[in-house]
Amino acid sequence: MLKSRTLSKDALGCEEFDTLGLIQGKLVEMFIATDIAEKAANVNVIEIKGVCPQHFTMIAVLGDVASVNEALNNISREFKERKI
């Protein structure tokens, strides 16, 4: 996620992907989700930039179908365990 804030699209390394998963939440939750996703599977995570008056942000988890599913399942499990 930090890469998407500081580098161009070409430097992200995610020009090709089969699927994406979208997650929306508070910024700190998205940093946690990014960490979990990137450790759980071979995925790239980027921030979807926009203007939200409620201070929510959105991330996209990019990769092949199995990897994105694995990453999203791990995020869901971790958030339930931590009660986030």
PDB file of N, CA and C in Angstrom:
ATOM      1  N   MET A   1       0.833  -1.179   0.000  1.00  0.00           N
ATOM      2  CA  MET A   1       0.000   0.000   0.000  1.00  0.00           C
ATOM      3  C   MET A   1       0.883   1.251   0.000  1.00  0.00           C
ATOM      4  N   LEU A   2       1.960   1.195   0.740  1.00  0.00           N
ATOM      5  CA  LEU A   2       2.865   2.342   0.742  1.00  0.00           C
ATOM      6  C   LEU A   2       3.446   2.580  -0.637  1.00  0.00           C
ATOM      7  N   LYS A   3       3.704   1.491  -1.394  1.00  0.00           N
ATOM      8  CA  LYS A   3       4.243   1.640  -2.737  1.00  0.00           C
ATOM      9  C   LYS A   3       3.297   2.443  -3.613  1.00  0.00           C
ATOM     10  N   SER A   4       1.996   2.183  -3.490  1.00  0.00           N
ATOM     11  CA  SER A   4       1.047   2.890  -4.355  1.00  0.00           C
ATOM     12  C   SER A   4       0.961   4.368  -4.014  1.00  0.00           C
ATOM     13  N   ARG A   5       1.347   4.744  -2.818  1.00  0.00           N
ATOM     14  CA  ARG A   5       1.340   6.155  -2.435  1.00  0.00           C
ATOM     15  C   ARG A   5       2.593   6.867  -2.927  1.00  0.00           C
ATOM     16  N   THR A   6       3.662   6.111  -3.138  1.00  0.00           N
ATOM     17  CA  THR A   6       4.933   6.757  -3.428  1.00  0.00           C
ATOM     18  C   THR A   6       5.476   6.502  -4.827  1.00  0.00           C
ATOM     19  N   LEU A   7       4.995   5.479  -5.528  1.00  0.00           N
ATOM     20  CA  LEU A   7       5.560   5.115  -6.817  1.00  0.00           C
ATOM     21  C   LEU A   7       4.516   5.217  -7.926  1.00  0.00           C
ATOM     22  N   SER A   8       4.981   5.210  -9.139  1.00  0.00           N
ATOM     23  CA  SER A   8       4.076   5.218 -10.284  1.00  0.00           C
ATOM     24  C   SER A   8       3.451   3.839 -10.479  1.00  0.00           C
ATOM     25  N   LYS A   9       2.417   3.746 -11.307  1.00  0.00           N
ATOM     26  CA  LYS A   9       1.761   2.470 -11.582  1.00  0.00           C
ATOM     27  C   LYS A   9       2.735   1.458 -12.164  1.00  0.00           C
ATOM     28  N   ASP A  10       3.690   1.915 -12.966  1.00  0.00           N
ATOM     29  CA  ASP A  10       4.639   1.004 -13.596  1.00  0.00           C
ATOM     30  C   ASP A  10       5.513   0.292 -12.571  1.00  0.00           C
ATOM     31  N   ALA A  11       5.754   0.898 -11.428  1.00  0.00           N
ATOM     32  CA  ALA A  11       6.627   0.319 -10.419  1.00  0.00           C
ATOM     33  C   ALA A  11       5.892  -0.633  -9.474  1.00  0.00           C
ATOM     34  N   LEU A  12       4.582  -0.758  -9.595  1.00  0.00           N
ATOM     35  CA  LEU A  12       3.829  -1.617  -8.688  1.00  0.00           C
ATOM     36  C   LEU A  12       4.003  -3.095  -8.978  1.00  0.00           C
ATOM     37  N   GLY A  13       4.312  -3.457 -10.204  1.00  0.00           N
ATOM     38  CA  GLY A  13       4.495  -4.859 -10.537  1.00  0.00           C
ATOM     39  C   GLY A  13       3.193  -5.633 -10.638  1.00  0.00           C
ATOM     40  N   CYS A  14       2.100  -4.969 -10.992  1.00  0.00           N
ATOM     41  CA  CYS A  14       0.815  -5.666 -11.071  1.00  0.00           C
ATOM     42  C   CYS A  14       0.086  -5.327 -12.359  1.00  0.00           C
ATOM     43  N   GLU A  15       0.819  -5.291 -13.467  1.00  0.00           N
ATOM     44  CA  GLU A  15       0.186  -4.967 -14.740  1.00  0.00           C
ATOM     45  C   GLU A  15      -0.814  -6.041 -15.148  1.00  0.00           C
ATOM     46  N   GLU A  16      -0.518  -7.296 -14.822  1.00  0.00           N
ATOM     47  CA  GLU A  16      -1.390  -8.396 -15.189  1.00  0.00           C
ATOM     48  C   GLU A  16      -1.886  -9.098 -13.941  1.00  0.00           C
ATOM     49  N   PHE A  17      -3.185  -9.329 -13.899  1.00  0.00           N
ATOM     50  CA  PHE A  17      -3.777 -10.068 -12.795  1.00  0.00           C
ATOM     51  C   PHE A  17      -5.090 -10.670 -13.268  1.00  0.00           C
ATOM     52  N   ASP A  18      -5.507 -11.760 -12.629  1.00  0.00           N
ATOM     53  CA  ASP A  18      -6.729 -12.446 -13.021  1.00  0.00           C
ATOM     54  C   ASP A  18      -7.959 -11.882 -12.337  1.00  0.00           C
ATOM     55  N   THR A  19      -7.798 -11.467 -11.108  1.00  0.00           N
ATOM     56  CA  THR A  19      -8.948 -10.995 -10.336  1.00  0.00           C
ATOM     57  C   THR A  19      -8.506  -9.968  -9.313  1.00  0.00           C
ATOM     58  N   LEU A  20      -9.487  -9.324  -8.721  1.00  0.00           N
ATOM     59  CA  LEU A  20      -9.175  -8.398  -7.641  1.00  0.00           C
ATOM     60  C   LEU A  20     -10.250  -8.477  -6.580  1.00  0.00           C
ATOM     61  N   GLY A  21      -9.837  -8.205  -5.367  1.00  0.00           N
ATOM     62  CA  GLY A  21     -10.762  -8.112  -4.247  1.00  0.00           C
ATOM     63  C   GLY A  21     -10.682  -6.711  -3.695  1.00  0.00           C
ATOM     64  N   LEU A  22     -11.821  -6.149  -3.339  1.00  0.00           N
ATOM     65  CA  LEU A  22     -11.864  -4.790  -2.806  1.00  0.00           C
ATOM     66  C   LEU A  22     -12.240  -4.833  -1.333  1.00  0.00           C
ATOM     67  N   ILE A  23     -11.540  -4.032  -0.541  1.00  0.00           N
ATOM     68  CA  ILE A  23     -11.809  -3.935   0.891  1.00  0.00           C
ATOM     69  C   ILE A  23     -11.839  -2.464   1.255  1.00  0.00           C
ATOM     70  N   GLN A  24     -12.839  -2.079   2.027  1.00  0.00           N
ATOM     71  CA  GLN A  24     -12.964  -0.686   2.448  1.00  0.00           C
ATOM     72  C   GLN A  24     -12.975  -0.631   3.968  1.00  0.00           C
ATOM     73  N   GLY A  25     -12.325   0.378   4.517  1.00  0.00           N
ATOM     74  CA  GLY A  25     -12.298   0.560   5.962  1.00  0.00           C
ATOM     75  C   GLY A  25     -11.480   1.775   6.336  1.00  0.00           C
ATOM     76  N   LYS A  26     -11.224   1.887   7.608  1.00  0.00           N
ATOM     77  CA  LYS A  26     -10.386   2.979   8.091  1.00  0.00           C
ATOM     78  C   LYS A  26      -8.946   2.731   7.672  1.00  0.00           C
ATOM     79  N   LEU A  27      -8.185   3.798   7.555  1.00  0.00           N
ATOM     80  CA  LEU A  27      -6.818   3.694   7.053  1.00  0.00           C
ATOM     81  C   LEU A  27      -5.992   2.685   7.837  1.00  0.00           C
ATOM     82  N   VAL A  28      -6.046   2.719   9.143  1.00  0.00           N
ATOM     83  CA  VAL A  28      -5.245   1.797   9.944  1.00  0.00           C
ATOM     84  C   VAL A  28      -5.670   0.348   9.694  1.00  0.00           C
ATOM     85  N   GLU A  29      -6.959   0.107   9.492  1.00  0.00           N
ATOM     86  CA  GLU A  29      -7.436  -1.242   9.182  1.00  0.00           C
ATOM     87  C   GLU A  29      -6.913  -1.704   7.826  1.00  0.00           C
ATOM     88  N   MET A  30      -6.794  -0.785   6.896  1.00  0.00           N
ATOM     89  CA  MET A  30      -6.305  -1.146   5.567  1.00  0.00           C
ATOM     90  C   MET A  30      -4.816  -1.463   5.586  1.00  0.00           C
ATOM     91  N   PHE A  31      -4.057  -0.812   6.461  1.00  0.00           N
ATOM     92  CA  PHE A  31      -2.647  -1.182   6.615  1.00  0.00           C
ATOM     93  C   PHE A  31      -2.528  -2.588   7.194  1.00  0.00           C
ATOM     94  N   ILE A  32      -3.375  -2.912   8.157  1.00  0.00           N
ATOM     95  CA  ILE A  32      -3.375  -4.259   8.738  1.00  0.00           C
ATOM     96  C   ILE A  32      -3.773  -5.280   7.673  1.00  0.00           C
ATOM     97  N   ALA A  33      -4.837  -4.982   6.916  1.00  0.00           N
ATOM     98  CA  ALA A  33      -5.305  -5.889   5.870  1.00  0.00           C
ATOM     99  C   ALA A  33      -4.228  -6.099   4.803  1.00  0.00           C
ATOM    100  N   THR A  34      -3.540  -5.038   4.441  1.00  0.00           N
ATOM    101  CA  THR A  34      -2.463  -5.139   3.453  1.00  0.00           C
ATOM    102  C   THR A  34      -1.369  -6.066   3.941  1.00  0.00           C
ATOM    103  N   ASP A  35      -0.964  -5.911   5.174  1.00  0.00           N
ATOM    104  CA  ASP A  35       0.082  -6.746   5.759  1.00  0.00           C
ATOM    105  C   ASP A  35      -0.335  -8.212   5.752  1.00  0.00           C
ATOM    106  N   ILE A  36      -1.555  -8.484   6.180  1.00  0.00           N
ATOM    107  CA  ILE A  36      -2.061  -9.862   6.210  1.00  0.00           C
ATOM    108  C   ILE A  36      -2.097 -10.443   4.801  1.00  0.00           C
ATOM    109  N   ALA A  37      -2.638  -9.695   3.845  1.00  0.00           N
ATOM    110  CA  ALA A  37      -2.786 -10.191   2.473  1.00  0.00           C
ATOM    111  C   ALA A  37      -1.444 -10.521   1.844  1.00  0.00           C
ATOM    112  N   GLU A  38      -0.487  -9.613   1.982  1.00  0.00           N
ATOM    113  CA  GLU A  38       0.806  -9.824   1.331  1.00  0.00           C
ATOM    114  C   GLU A  38       1.602 -10.946   1.978  1.00  0.00           C
ATOM    115  N   LYS A  39       1.366 -11.226   3.249  1.00  0.00           N
ATOM    116  CA  LYS A  39       2.035 -12.340   3.915  1.00  0.00           C
ATOM    117  C   LYS A  39       1.334 -13.665   3.635  1.00  0.00           C
ATOM    118  N   ALA A  40       0.040 -13.629   3.344  1.00  0.00           N
ATOM    119  CA  ALA A  40      -0.747 -14.849   3.177  1.00  0.00           C
ATOM    120  C   ALA A  40      -0.658 -15.443   1.777  1.00  0.00           C
ATOM    121  N   ALA A  41      -0.464 -14.607   0.765  1.00  0.00           N
ATOM    122  CA  ALA A  41      -0.523 -15.107  -0.611  1.00  0.00           C
ATOM    123  C   ALA A  41       0.305 -14.227  -1.539  1.00  0.00           C
ATOM    124  N   ASN A  42       0.495 -14.719  -2.746  1.00  0.00           N
ATOM    125  CA  ASN A  42       1.248 -13.988  -3.758  1.00  0.00           C
ATOM    126  C   ASN A  42       0.321 -12.978  -4.433  1.00  0.00           C
ATOM    127  N   VAL A  43       0.108 -11.841  -3.769  1.00  0.00           N
ATOM    128  CA  VAL A  43      -0.788 -10.799  -4.269  1.00  0.00           C
ATOM    129  C   VAL A  43      -0.091  -9.449  -4.185  1.00  0.00           C
ATOM    130  N   ASN A  44      -0.616  -8.510  -4.942  1.00  0.00           N
ATOM    131  CA  ASN A  44      -0.202  -7.119  -4.840  1.00  0.00           C
ATOM    132  C   ASN A  44      -1.388  -6.340  -4.282  1.00  0.00           C
ATOM    133  N   VAL A  45      -1.108  -5.414  -3.402  1.00  0.00           N
ATOM    134  CA  VAL A  45      -2.170  -4.602  -2.805  1.00  0.00           C
ATOM    135  C   VAL A  45      -1.894  -3.144  -3.136  1.00  0.00           C
ATOM    136  N   ILE A  46      -2.916  -2.470  -3.647  1.00  0.00           N
ATOM    137  CA  ILE A  46      -2.779  -1.053  -3.949  1.00  0.00           C
ATOM    138  C   ILE A  46      -3.937  -0.300  -3.321  1.00  0.00           C
ATOM    139  N   GLU A  47      -3.710   0.947  -3.015  1.00  0.00           N
ATOM    140  CA  GLU A  47      -4.753   1.799  -2.475  1.00  0.00           C
ATOM    141  C   GLU A  47      -5.547   2.399  -3.624  1.00  0.00           C
ATOM    142  N   ILE A  48      -6.868   2.368  -3.498  1.00  0.00           N
ATOM    143  CA  ILE A  48      -7.739   3.038  -4.448  1.00  0.00           C
ATOM    144  C   ILE A  48      -7.920   4.453  -3.921  1.00  0.00           C
ATOM    145  N   LYS A  49      -7.392   5.408  -4.649  1.00  0.00           N
ATOM    146  CA  LYS A  49      -7.411   6.783  -4.169  1.00  0.00           C
ATOM    147  C   LYS A  49      -8.720   7.465  -4.530  1.00  0.00           C
ATOM    148  N   GLY A  50      -9.205   8.255  -3.613  1.00  0.00           N
ATOM    149  CA  GLY A  50     -10.426   9.002  -3.822  1.00  0.00           C
ATOM    150  C   GLY A  50     -10.611   9.961  -2.655  1.00  0.00           C
ATOM    151  N   VAL A  51     -11.725  10.626  -2.641  1.00  0.00           N
ATOM    152  CA  VAL A  51     -12.019  11.558  -1.563  1.00  0.00           C
ATOM    153  C   VAL A  51     -13.236  11.036  -0.815  1.00  0.00           C
ATOM    154  N   CYS A  52     -13.065  10.752   0.459  1.00  0.00           N
ATOM    155  CA  CYS A  52     -14.161  10.233   1.260  1.00  0.00           C
ATOM    156  C   CYS A  52     -14.267  11.070   2.528  1.00  0.00           C
ATOM    157  N   PRO A  53     -15.363  11.741   2.721  1.00  0.00           N
ATOM    158  CA  PRO A  53     -15.495  12.600   3.898  1.00  0.00           C
ATOM    159  C   PRO A  53     -15.559  11.820   5.214  1.00  0.00           C
ATOM    160  N   GLN A  54     -15.808  10.511   5.158  1.00  0.00           N
ATOM    161  CA  GLN A  54     -15.868   9.705   6.384  1.00  0.00           C
ATOM    162  C   GLN A  54     -14.513   9.114   6.768  1.00  0.00           C
ATOM    163  N   HIS A  55     -13.473   9.465   6.050  1.00  0.00           N
ATOM    164  CA  HIS A  55     -12.114   9.010   6.328  1.00  0.00           C
ATOM    165  C   HIS A  55     -11.951   7.500   6.144  1.00  0.00           C
ATOM    166  N   PHE A  56     -12.654   6.949   5.166  1.00  0.00           N
ATOM    167  CA  PHE A  56     -12.471   5.556   4.804  1.00  0.00           C
ATOM    168  C   PHE A  56     -11.564   5.505   3.589  1.00  0.00           C
ATOM    169  N   THR A  57     -10.896   4.396   3.427  1.00  0.00           N
ATOM    170  CA  THR A  57     -10.075   4.184   2.247  1.00  0.00           C
ATOM    171  C   THR A  57     -10.401   2.807   1.705  1.00  0.00           C
ATOM    172  N   MET A  58      -9.964   2.536   0.480  1.00  0.00           N
ATOM    173  CA  MET A  58     -10.220   1.242  -0.137  1.00  0.00           C
ATOM    174  C   MET A  58      -8.926   0.711  -0.707  1.00  0.00           C
ATOM    175  N   ILE A  59      -8.746  -0.607  -0.575  1.00  0.00           N
ATOM    176  CA  ILE A  59      -7.599  -1.261  -1.179  1.00  0.00           C
ATOM    177  C   ILE A  59      -8.093  -2.301  -2.168  1.00  0.00           C
ATOM    178  N   ALA A  60      -7.264  -2.565  -3.159  1.00  0.00           N
ATOM    179  CA  ALA A  60      -7.517  -3.617  -4.136  1.00  0.00           C
ATOM    180  C   ALA A  60      -6.440  -4.681  -3.953  1.00  0.00           C
ATOM    181  N   VAL A  61      -6.861  -5.925  -3.822  1.00  0.00           N
ATOM    182  CA  VAL A  61      -5.954  -7.063  -3.717  1.00  0.00           C
ATOM    183  C   VAL A  61      -5.935  -7.715  -5.094  1.00  0.00           C
ATOM    184  N   LEU A  62      -4.788  -7.691  -5.754  1.00  0.00           N
ATOM    185  CA  LEU A  62      -4.652  -8.144  -7.140  1.00  0.00           C
ATOM    186  C   LEU A  62      -3.841  -9.424  -7.213  1.00  0.00           C
ATOM    187  N   GLY A  63      -4.269 -10.340  -8.064  1.00  0.00           N
ATOM    188  CA  GLY A  63      -3.525 -11.576  -8.264  1.00  0.00           C
ATOM    189  C   GLY A  63      -4.372 -12.612  -8.961  1.00  0.00           C
ATOM    190  N   ASP A  64      -3.924 -13.873  -8.910  1.00  0.00           N
ATOM    191  CA  ASP A  64      -4.746 -14.932  -9.487  1.00  0.00           C
ATOM    192  C   ASP A  64      -5.881 -15.247  -8.511  1.00  0.00           C
ATOM    193  N   VAL A  65      -6.887 -15.949  -8.988  1.00  0.00           N
ATOM    194  CA  VAL A  65      -8.105 -16.178  -8.212  1.00  0.00           C
ATOM    195  C   VAL A  65      -7.812 -16.860  -6.874  1.00  0.00           C
ATOM    196  N   ALA A  66      -7.022 -17.915  -6.890  1.00  0.00           N
ATOM    197  CA  ALA A  66      -6.729 -18.654  -5.657  1.00  0.00           C
ATOM    198  C   ALA A  66      -5.979 -17.788  -4.646  1.00  0.00           C
ATOM    199  N   SER A  67      -5.031 -17.004  -5.111  1.00  0.00           N
ATOM    200  CA  SER A  67      -4.247 -16.159  -4.212  1.00  0.00           C
ATOM    201  C   SER A  67      -5.088 -15.057  -3.589  1.00  0.00           C
ATOM    202  N   VAL A  68      -5.940 -14.428  -4.402  1.00  0.00           N
ATOM    203  CA  VAL A  68      -6.812 -13.374  -3.871  1.00  0.00           C
ATOM    204  C   VAL A  68      -7.797 -13.960  -2.867  1.00  0.00           C
ATOM    205  N   ASN A  69      -8.377 -15.128  -3.188  1.00  0.00           N
ATOM    206  CA  ASN A  69      -9.277 -15.783  -2.230  1.00  0.00           C
ATOM    207  C   ASN A  69      -8.570 -16.097  -0.922  1.00  0.00           C
ATOM    208  N   GLU A  70      -7.362 -16.620  -1.011  1.00  0.00           N
ATOM    209  CA  GLU A  70      -6.587 -16.945   0.182  1.00  0.00           C
ATOM    210  C   GLU A  70      -6.309 -15.686   1.007  1.00  0.00           C
ATOM    211  N   ALA A  71      -5.918 -14.623   0.345  1.00  0.00           N
ATOM    212  CA  ALA A  71      -5.627 -13.369   1.042  1.00  0.00           C
ATOM    213  C   ALA A  71      -6.877 -12.825   1.731  1.00  0.00           C
ATOM    214  N   LEU A  72      -8.003 -12.796   1.011  1.00  0.00           N
ATOM    215  CA  LEU A  72      -9.240 -12.269   1.596  1.00  0.00           C
ATOM    216  C   LEU A  72      -9.736 -13.138   2.748  1.00  0.00           C
ATOM    217  N   ASN A  73      -9.614 -14.457   2.620  1.00  0.00           N
ATOM    218  CA  ASN A  73     -10.014 -15.345   3.710  1.00  0.00           C
ATOM    219  C   ASN A  73      -9.156 -15.120   4.945  1.00  0.00           C
ATOM    220  N   ASN A  74      -7.857 -14.921   4.750  1.00  0.00           N
ATOM    221  CA  ASN A  74      -6.966 -14.659   5.885  1.00  0.00           C
ATOM    222  C   ASN A  74      -7.287 -13.329   6.547  1.00  0.00           C
ATOM    223  N   ILE A  75      -7.579 -12.319   5.751  1.00  0.00           N
ATOM    224  CA  ILE A  75      -7.951 -11.019   6.313  1.00  0.00           C
ATOM    225  C   ILE A  75      -9.220 -11.155   7.137  1.00  0.00           C
ATOM    226  N   SER A  76     -10.223 -11.815   6.581  1.00  0.00           N
ATOM    227  CA  SER A  76     -11.490 -11.999   7.288  1.00  0.00           C
ATOM    228  C   SER A  76     -11.287 -12.746   8.607  1.00  0.00           C
ATOM    229  N   ARG A  77     -10.524 -13.831   8.562  1.00  0.00           N
ATOM    230  CA  ARG A  77     -10.268 -14.620   9.765  1.00  0.00           C
ATOM    231  C   ARG A  77      -9.531 -13.801  10.834  1.00  0.00           C
ATOM    232  N   GLU A  78      -8.490 -13.088  10.414  1.00  0.00           N
ATOM    233  CA  GLU A  78      -7.723 -12.274  11.362  1.00  0.00           C
ATOM    234  C   GLU A  78      -8.566 -11.161  11.972  1.00  0.00           C
ATOM    235  N   PHE A  79      -9.371 -10.511  11.164  1.00  0.00           N
ATOM    236  CA  PHE A  79     -10.212  -9.421  11.684  1.00  0.00           C
ATOM    237  C   PHE A  79     -11.243  -9.957  12.662  1.00  0.00           C
ATOM    238  N   LYS A  80     -11.794 -11.147  12.396  1.00  0.00           N
ATOM    239  CA  LYS A  80     -12.754 -11.739  13.329  1.00  0.00           C
ATOM    240  C   LYS A  80     -12.076 -12.114  14.642  1.00  0.00           C
ATOM    241  N   GLU A  81     -10.877 -12.685  14.554  1.00  0.00           N
ATOM    242  CA  GLU A  81     -10.138 -13.073  15.755  1.00  0.00           C
ATOM    243  C   GLU A  81      -9.742 -11.855  16.586  1.00  0.00           C
ATOM    244  N   ARG A  82      -9.341 -10.793  15.918  1.00  0.00           N
ATOM    245  CA  ARG A  82      -8.927  -9.556  16.621  1.00  0.00           C
ATOM    246  C   ARG A  82     -10.102  -8.657  16.959  1.00  0.00           C
ATOM    247  N   LYS A  83     -11.287  -9.006  16.440  1.00  0.00           N
ATOM    248  CA  LYS A  83     -12.516  -8.211  16.635  1.00  0.00           C
ATOM    249  C   LYS A  83     -12.344  -6.783  16.138  1.00  0.00           C
ATOM    250  N   ILE A  84     -11.802  -6.696  14.916  1.00  0.00           N
ATOM    251  CA  ILE A  84     -11.596  -5.389  14.277  1.00  0.00           C
ATOM    252  C   ILE A  84     -12.845  -5.049  13.495  1.00  0.00           C
TER     253      ILE A  84
END
